[in-house]
Amino acid sequence: MILSLTDRGPGFPDFVLTGPAAPFVTGSGAPGRGLGLFLARNAIDRLGGRMELRNTPTGAEVQIAFPLLDPPLTDETPHD
């Protein structure tokens, strides 16, 4: 499954694109920010997925890919 998020803003600064897994990296310069991408990327990695950042002609794009889960079992096994 791939989730794609886009905006119509100025895009990511180059230093964010080259180091999105680094904590306290922010393009806004506002205090108290810069953990969102770091936390998101770590959570996605732990779930076996991946996150890619890029700039498009119209703004920023984030693609998040998760592996498909195994299909549910059709025969239920009783548990003791």
Protein backbone atom coordinates (compact mmCIF):
# COMPACT_ATOMS: atom_id res chain seq x y z
CA MET A 1 0.00 0.00 0.00
CA ILE A 2 1.33 3.46 -0.89
CA LEU A 3 0.02 6.67 0.63
CA SER A 4 0.94 9.88 -1.17
CA LEU A 5 0.56 13.30 0.49
CA THR A 6 1.08 16.54 -1.43
CA ASP A 7 0.79 20.24 -0.78
CA ARG A 8 0.94 23.43 -2.81
CA GLY A 9 3.60 25.15 -0.77
CA PRO A 10 7.24 26.03 -1.42
CA GLY A 11 8.45 22.44 -0.96
CA PHE A 12 11.11 21.06 1.35
CA PRO A 13 14.43 22.86 1.82
CA ASP A 14 17.36 20.89 0.37
CA PHE A 15 18.79 20.13 3.83
CA VAL A 16 15.50 18.43 4.81
CA LEU A 17 15.56 16.29 1.67
CA THR A 18 19.12 15.14 2.37
CA GLY A 19 18.57 14.39 6.08
CA PRO A 20 14.89 13.74 6.84
CA ALA A 21 15.71 11.17 9.51
CA ALA A 22 17.69 13.64 11.60
CA PRO A 23 15.96 14.98 14.73
CA PHE A 24 15.41 18.71 15.13
CA VAL A 25 15.68 19.40 11.40
CA THR A 26 13.06 21.97 10.47
CA GLY A 27 12.49 24.15 7.48
CA SER A 28 10.43 26.72 9.37
CA GLY A 29 13.02 27.82 11.91
CA ALA A 30 10.31 27.94 14.59
CA PRO A 31 11.34 26.69 18.06
CA GLY A 32 9.99 23.41 19.35
CA ARG A 33 9.73 21.83 15.93
CA GLY A 34 11.72 19.39 13.89
CA LEU A 35 10.69 16.05 15.37
CA GLY A 36 7.68 15.22 13.18
CA LEU A 37 9.53 13.71 10.20
CA PHE A 38 12.01 12.02 12.52
CA LEU A 39 9.26 10.32 14.55
CA ALA A 40 7.19 9.45 11.48
CA ARG A 41 10.14 7.91 9.64
CA ASN A 42 11.15 5.83 12.69
CA ALA A 43 7.59 4.55 13.19
CA ILE A 44 7.24 3.71 9.49
CA ASP A 45 10.63 1.93 9.49
CA ARG A 46 9.62 -0.16 12.52
CA LEU A 47 6.48 -1.25 10.65
CA GLY A 48 8.56 -2.38 7.70
CA GLY A 49 7.65 0.54 5.48
CA ARG A 50 9.51 3.40 3.89
CA MET A 51 9.02 7.14 3.52
CA GLU A 52 10.27 9.25 0.62
CA LEU A 53 10.29 13.04 0.41
CA ARG A 54 10.51 15.04 -2.80
CA ASN A 55 9.68 18.38 -4.26
CA THR A 56 7.38 18.66 -7.26
CA PRO A 57 6.71 21.67 -9.48
CA THR A 58 3.63 22.44 -7.36
CA GLY A 59 4.95 21.76 -3.83
CA ALA A 60 6.11 18.99 -1.50
CA GLU A 61 5.27 15.31 -1.74
CA VAL A 62 5.65 12.56 0.84
CA GLN A 63 5.15 8.94 -0.16
CA ILE A 64 4.71 6.34 2.55
CA ALA A 65 4.81 2.69 1.57
CA PHE A 66 3.77 -0.16 3.82
CA PRO A 67 4.12 -3.85 3.02
CA LEU A 68 0.86 -5.65 2.49
CA LEU A 69 -0.20 -7.80 5.41
CA ASP A 70 -0.62 -11.52 5.01
CA PRO A 71 -4.20 -12.39 4.09
CA PRO A 72 -6.37 -13.44 7.03
CA LEU A 73 -6.57 -17.14 7.81
CA THR A 74 -9.67 -18.80 6.44
CA ASP A 75 -9.64 -21.73 8.88
CA GLU A 76 -9.73 -20.60 12.45
CA THR A 77 -7.81 -22.72 14.90
CA PRO A 78 -9.42 -22.98 18.37
CA HIS A 79 -7.29 -21.69 21.20
CA ASP A 80 -7.21 -23.27 24.65
